[in-house]
Protein backbone atom coordinates (compact mmCIF):
# COMPACT_ATOMS: atom_id res chain seq x y z
CA MET A 1 54.30 -127.81 103.65
CA LEU A 2 51.05 -126.13 104.48
CA ILE A 3 48.22 -125.68 102.06
CA GLU A 4 46.33 -122.46 101.69
CA LYS A 5 42.80 -123.75 101.29
CA ARG A 6 41.60 -121.19 98.80
CA PHE A 7 38.89 -122.61 96.64
CA GLN A 8 37.43 -120.55 93.81
CA GLU A 9 34.40 -121.51 91.79
CA ASN A 10 34.07 -120.42 88.20
CA GLU A 11 31.47 -121.29 85.63
CA ASN A 12 33.56 -124.05 84.10
CA TYR A 13 36.06 -125.21 86.70
CA ALA A 14 37.35 -124.90 90.25
CA LEU A 15 40.87 -123.89 91.36
CA LEU A 16 42.91 -125.00 94.34
CA GLU A 17 46.29 -123.54 95.35
CA PHE A 18 48.91 -125.48 97.26
CA HIS A 19 51.36 -123.13 98.98
CA ASN A 20 54.87 -123.91 100.20
CA VAL A 21 55.01 -127.30 98.47
CA ASN A 22 58.14 -129.34 99.06
CA LYS A 23 60.30 -129.66 95.94
CA GLU A 24 60.45 -133.46 96.24
CA THR A 25 56.66 -133.86 96.30
CA ILE A 26 55.96 -131.91 93.08
CA PRO A 27 56.26 -134.96 90.74
CA TRP A 28 53.98 -136.97 93.04
CA LEU A 29 51.43 -134.14 93.15
CA GLU A 30 51.49 -133.73 89.36
CA CYS A 31 51.01 -137.48 88.86
CA LEU A 32 48.15 -137.49 91.37
CA ALA A 33 46.50 -134.54 89.65
CA ASN A 34 46.76 -136.27 86.29
CA GLU A 35 45.27 -139.46 87.73
CA TYR A 36 42.21 -137.59 89.03
CA HIS A 37 41.60 -135.54 85.87
CA CYS A 38 43.00 -132.31 87.28
CA LYS A 39 45.21 -129.92 85.36
CA VAL A 40 48.27 -128.15 86.71
CA GLU A 41 47.47 -124.54 85.86
CA LYS A 42 50.72 -123.05 87.09
CA LYS A 43 53.78 -123.60 89.24
CA GLU A 44 55.47 -120.57 90.76
CA TRP A 45 58.68 -120.12 92.67
CA ARG A 46 58.33 -117.01 94.89
CA SER A 47 61.27 -115.54 96.72
CA LYS A 48 60.95 -115.49 100.50
CA TYR A 49 63.00 -112.30 100.66
CA ASN A 50 61.72 -110.21 97.74
CA ASN A 51 58.03 -110.06 96.78
CA TYR A 52 58.81 -109.01 93.23
CA VAL A 53 60.84 -112.11 92.33
CA VAL A 54 58.50 -114.74 90.89
CA TYR A 55 59.52 -117.47 88.42
CA ASP A 56 57.32 -119.84 86.46
CA TYR A 57 60.22 -122.29 86.17
CA GLU A 58 62.61 -123.78 88.71
CA PRO A 59 65.50 -121.37 89.28
CA PHE A 60 69.11 -122.54 89.21
CA CYS A 61 69.37 -122.22 92.99
CA SER A 62 65.96 -122.93 94.50
CA GLU A 63 66.99 -122.17 98.10
CA GLY A 64 64.97 -119.28 99.52
CA PHE A 65 61.92 -119.87 97.32
CA GLU A 66 58.41 -121.03 98.17
CA ILE A 67 56.71 -123.20 95.57
CA THR A 68 53.04 -122.67 94.75
CA VAL A 69 51.11 -125.16 92.60
CA THR A 70 47.65 -124.35 91.25
CA LEU A 71 45.36 -127.17 90.13
CA SER A 72 42.08 -126.88 88.25
CA CYS A 73 39.31 -129.35 87.57
CA ARG A 74 35.74 -129.35 86.33
CA ALA A 75 34.61 -131.45 89.30
CA PRO A 76 35.48 -129.93 92.71
CA GLU A 77 35.17 -133.37 94.31
CA PHE A 78 38.36 -134.48 92.58
CA LEU A 79 40.20 -131.42 93.88
CA ASN A 80 38.96 -132.09 97.40
CA PHE A 81 40.20 -135.67 97.18
CA VAL A 82 43.62 -134.57 95.88
CA ARG A 83 43.82 -132.09 98.77
CA TYR A 84 42.90 -134.85 101.23
CA LEU A 85 45.59 -137.20 99.85
CA TYR A 86 48.19 -134.42 99.93
CA GLU A 87 47.36 -133.53 103.55
CA GLU A 88 47.54 -137.18 104.59
CA LYS A 89 50.92 -137.62 102.89
CA MET A 90 52.29 -134.50 104.61
CA GLN A 91 51.04 -135.71 108.00
CA VAL A 92 52.73 -139.08 107.51
CA ILE A 93 55.99 -137.42 106.43
CA ASN A 94 55.91 -135.09 109.45
CA TYR A 95 55.18 -138.03 111.77
CA LEU A 96 58.08 -140.05 110.35
CA ASN A 97 60.42 -137.05 110.64
CA ASP A 98 59.39 -136.68 114.29
CA CYS A 99 60.08 -140.38 114.88
CA VAL A 100 63.55 -140.03 113.36
CA MET A 101 64.32 -137.10 115.66
CA LEU A 102 63.66 -139.22 118.78
């Protein structure tokens, strides 16, 4: 559930990649991106065991895959805010999981 904080500037828009996204949080992230005028450029399912296996759709059995979501926006401030909200949500989820384990 970590984010690779790679931020690229282009003439027209900025990109932000979220690596190892949890499958259950993808609809929330897409809705959040839409709310803040960001566009989902691509979603990739990369195999953890074979570097050459990359899908742009959810495979039948998604075990053993890491999900990467790339967002773009004309205003980098929106992307920074989406990243902040995503990080906060992941921290809360991790905290609640730790509380359950006690």
